[in-house]
Amino acid sequence: MLFFCIDDEKIAIDNLSHVMKKEGYEVTTTQSSVRALTLLEGGRFDVVLTDLKMEKVDGMPKRSDSLNFAT
């Protein structure tokens, strides 16, 4: 299962990534909301975990954009 974690706080990304990888999951991370949108366009992620309040683009637009990519 491939997880995509998006958060502008490095410590949150590092902790979440560490735990997920330890459990055997593949994890892609980014701290940039703009880069997240690019990665969502090209990637097929099983689960997307995102911070809801980020600079430039917050989690809600990313959520609806990711749903558009899935269809």
N, C-alpha and C. Protein backbone atom coordinates (compact mmCIF):
# COMPACT_ATOMS: atom_id res chain seq x y z
N MET A 1 0.85 -1.18 0.00
CA MET A 1 0.00 0.00 0.00
C MET A 1 0.89 1.23 0.00
N LEU A 2 0.58 2.19 -0.86
CA LEU A 2 1.38 3.40 -1.00
C LEU A 2 0.66 4.59 -0.38
N PHE A 3 1.30 5.19 0.62
CA PHE A 3 0.78 6.36 1.31
C PHE A 3 1.47 7.62 0.79
N PHE A 4 0.72 8.71 0.69
CA PHE A 4 1.26 10.01 0.33
C PHE A 4 0.93 10.95 1.48
N CYS A 5 1.96 11.46 2.16
CA CYS A 5 1.78 12.32 3.32
C CYS A 5 2.22 13.74 2.98
N ILE A 6 1.33 14.69 3.23
CA ILE A 6 1.58 16.09 2.91
C ILE A 6 1.41 16.91 4.18
N ASP A 7 2.48 17.59 4.58
CA ASP A 7 2.42 18.45 5.77
C ASP A 7 3.56 19.44 5.69
N ASP A 8 3.30 20.69 6.04
CA ASP A 8 4.35 21.70 5.96
C ASP A 8 5.28 21.68 7.17
N GLU A 9 4.98 20.86 8.17
CA GLU A 9 5.84 20.74 9.34
C GLU A 9 6.72 19.50 9.20
N LYS A 10 8.04 19.72 9.11
CA LYS A 10 8.99 18.64 8.89
C LYS A 10 8.90 17.55 9.95
N ILE A 11 8.76 17.92 11.20
CA ILE A 11 8.72 16.93 12.28
C ILE A 11 7.51 16.01 12.13
N ALA A 12 6.39 16.55 11.69
CA ALA A 12 5.19 15.73 11.49
C ALA A 12 5.41 14.72 10.36
N ILE A 13 5.98 15.20 9.26
CA ILE A 13 6.28 14.31 8.12
C ILE A 13 7.27 13.23 8.52
N ASP A 14 8.34 13.62 9.20
CA ASP A 14 9.37 12.65 9.60
C ASP A 14 8.81 11.58 10.53
N ASN A 15 8.03 11.99 11.52
CA ASN A 15 7.45 11.04 12.47
C ASN A 15 6.47 10.09 11.80
N LEU A 16 5.58 10.63 11.01
CA LEU A 16 4.59 9.82 10.33
C LEU A 16 5.25 8.85 9.35
N SER A 17 6.20 9.34 8.59
CA SER A 17 6.91 8.51 7.63
C SER A 17 7.65 7.37 8.33
N HIS A 18 8.29 7.67 9.43
CA HIS A 18 9.04 6.66 10.19
C HIS A 18 8.11 5.53 10.66
N VAL A 19 6.98 5.91 11.23
CA VAL A 19 6.03 4.91 11.75
C VAL A 19 5.46 4.07 10.61
N MET A 20 5.07 4.72 9.52
CA MET A 20 4.47 3.99 8.40
C MET A 20 5.47 3.02 7.77
N LYS A 21 6.71 3.47 7.57
CA LYS A 21 7.73 2.60 6.97
C LYS A 21 8.05 1.43 7.90
N LYS A 22 8.07 1.69 9.20
CA LYS A 22 8.33 0.64 10.17
C LYS A 22 7.25 -0.45 10.10
N GLU A 23 6.04 -0.05 9.76
CA GLU A 23 4.93 -1.00 9.62
C GLU A 23 4.91 -1.67 8.25
N GLY A 24 5.86 -1.30 7.38
CA GLY A 24 5.99 -1.97 6.09
C GLY A 24 5.32 -1.27 4.92
N TYR A 25 4.85 -0.06 5.12
CA TYR A 25 4.20 0.67 4.03
C TYR A 25 5.21 1.48 3.23
N GLU A 26 4.90 1.69 1.96
CA GLU A 26 5.67 2.62 1.14
C GLU A 26 5.11 4.02 1.41
N VAL A 27 5.99 5.00 1.55
CA VAL A 27 5.55 6.35 1.88
C VAL A 27 6.27 7.36 1.00
N THR A 28 5.49 8.25 0.39
CA THR A 28 6.01 9.41 -0.31
C THR A 28 5.59 10.62 0.49
N THR A 29 6.50 11.58 0.69
CA THR A 29 6.17 12.76 1.49
C THR A 29 6.57 14.04 0.76
N THR A 30 5.91 15.11 1.14
CA THR A 30 6.31 16.44 0.70
C THR A 30 5.83 17.46 1.72
N GLN A 31 6.58 18.55 1.82
CA GLN A 31 6.18 19.67 2.68
C GLN A 31 5.57 20.80 1.85
N SER A 32 5.56 20.65 0.56
CA SER A 32 5.08 21.70 -0.35
C SER A 32 3.71 21.35 -0.91
N SER A 33 2.75 22.22 -0.70
CA SER A 33 1.42 21.98 -1.25
C SER A 33 1.43 22.03 -2.78
N VAL A 34 2.26 22.89 -3.34
CA VAL A 34 2.36 22.99 -4.80
C VAL A 34 2.95 21.70 -5.37
N ARG A 35 4.02 21.20 -4.75
CA ARG A 35 4.62 19.93 -5.20
C ARG A 35 3.64 18.77 -5.01
N ALA A 36 2.84 18.82 -3.96
CA ALA A 36 1.86 17.77 -3.72
C ALA A 36 0.90 17.64 -4.89
N LEU A 37 0.45 18.75 -5.41
CA LEU A 37 -0.47 18.71 -6.55
C LEU A 37 0.20 18.07 -7.76
N THR A 38 1.48 18.39 -7.99
CA THR A 38 2.23 17.79 -9.09
C THR A 38 2.35 16.28 -8.90
N LEU A 39 2.71 15.86 -7.70
CA LEU A 39 2.86 14.43 -7.42
C LEU A 39 1.52 13.69 -7.53
N LEU A 40 0.44 14.34 -7.14
CA LEU A 40 -0.88 13.71 -7.26
C LEU A 40 -1.25 13.49 -8.73
N GLU A 41 -0.83 14.39 -9.59
CA GLU A 41 -1.11 14.24 -11.02
C GLU A 41 -0.43 13.00 -11.59
N GLY A 42 0.80 12.74 -11.15
CA GLY A 42 1.58 11.65 -11.73
C GLY A 42 1.59 10.37 -10.94
N GLY A 43 1.10 10.38 -9.72
CA GLY A 43 1.20 9.20 -8.87
C GLY A 43 -0.12 8.51 -8.63
N ARG A 44 -0.04 7.24 -8.33
CA ARG A 44 -1.22 6.47 -7.96
C ARG A 44 -1.05 6.06 -6.51
N PHE A 45 -1.59 6.85 -5.61
CA PHE A 45 -1.47 6.60 -4.19
C PHE A 45 -2.73 5.91 -3.68
N ASP A 46 -2.53 4.98 -2.76
CA ASP A 46 -3.68 4.30 -2.15
C ASP A 46 -4.33 5.17 -1.09
N VAL A 47 -3.50 5.91 -0.34
CA VAL A 47 -4.00 6.76 0.75
C VAL A 47 -3.25 8.08 0.71
N VAL A 48 -4.00 9.19 0.83
CA VAL A 48 -3.40 10.52 0.91
C VAL A 48 -3.75 11.10 2.27
N LEU A 49 -2.71 11.43 3.05
CA LEU A 49 -2.89 12.09 4.35
C LEU A 49 -2.35 13.50 4.21
N THR A 50 -3.17 14.49 4.53
CA THR A 50 -2.75 15.87 4.34
C THR A 50 -3.12 16.75 5.52
N ASP A 51 -2.25 17.71 5.77
CA ASP A 51 -2.52 18.78 6.72
C ASP A 51 -3.61 19.65 6.09
N LEU A 52 -4.58 20.09 6.86
CA LEU A 52 -5.66 20.89 6.29
C LEU A 52 -5.32 22.37 6.19
N LYS A 53 -4.29 22.83 6.88
CA LYS A 53 -3.92 24.25 6.82
C LYS A 53 -2.46 24.38 6.44
N MET A 54 -2.24 24.76 5.18
CA MET A 54 -0.88 24.94 4.67
C MET A 54 -0.83 26.22 3.86
N GLU A 55 0.39 26.70 3.64
CA GLU A 55 0.56 27.90 2.82
C GLU A 55 0.26 27.60 1.36
N LYS A 56 -0.17 28.62 0.64
CA LYS A 56 -0.45 28.60 -0.80
C LYS A 56 -1.68 27.78 -1.14
N VAL A 57 -1.69 26.50 -0.80
CA VAL A 57 -2.84 25.64 -1.08
C VAL A 57 -3.07 24.81 0.16
N ASP A 58 -4.27 24.91 0.75
CA ASP A 58 -4.50 24.10 1.94
C ASP A 58 -5.06 22.73 1.57
N GLY A 59 -5.32 21.91 2.56
CA GLY A 59 -5.69 20.51 2.33
C GLY A 59 -7.02 20.30 1.64
N MET A 60 -7.95 21.22 1.79
CA MET A 60 -9.25 21.01 1.17
C MET A 60 -9.18 21.07 -0.35
N PRO A 61 -8.54 22.07 -0.97
CA PRO A 61 -8.41 22.02 -2.43
C PRO A 61 -7.63 20.80 -2.89
N LYS A 62 -6.61 20.39 -2.15
CA LYS A 62 -5.85 19.19 -2.53
C LYS A 62 -6.77 17.97 -2.52
N ARG A 63 -7.65 17.91 -1.54
CA ARG A 63 -8.54 16.76 -1.44
C ARG A 63 -9.43 16.68 -2.68
N SER A 64 -10.04 17.76 -3.07
CA SER A 64 -10.90 17.71 -4.24
C SER A 64 -10.10 17.51 -5.52
N ASP A 65 -8.89 18.06 -5.59
CA ASP A 65 -8.04 17.81 -6.76
C ASP A 65 -7.68 16.34 -6.85
N SER A 66 -7.36 15.71 -5.72
CA SER A 66 -6.96 14.30 -5.75
C SER A 66 -8.14 13.42 -6.15
N LEU A 67 -9.34 13.80 -5.76
CA LEU A 67 -10.51 13.04 -6.19
C LEU A 67 -10.69 13.15 -7.69
N ASN A 68 -10.40 14.32 -8.26
CA ASN A 68 -10.49 14.48 -9.71
C ASN A 68 -9.47 13.60 -10.42
N PHE A 69 -8.28 13.44 -9.86
CA PHE A 69 -7.26 12.60 -10.49
C PHE A 69 -7.67 11.14 -10.48
N ALA A 70 -8.44 10.73 -9.48
CA ALA A 70 -8.81 9.32 -9.33
C ALA A 70 -9.88 8.89 -10.32
N THR A 71 -10.58 9.83 -10.90
CA THR A 71 -11.68 9.47 -11.81
C THR A 71 -11.23 9.36 -13.24
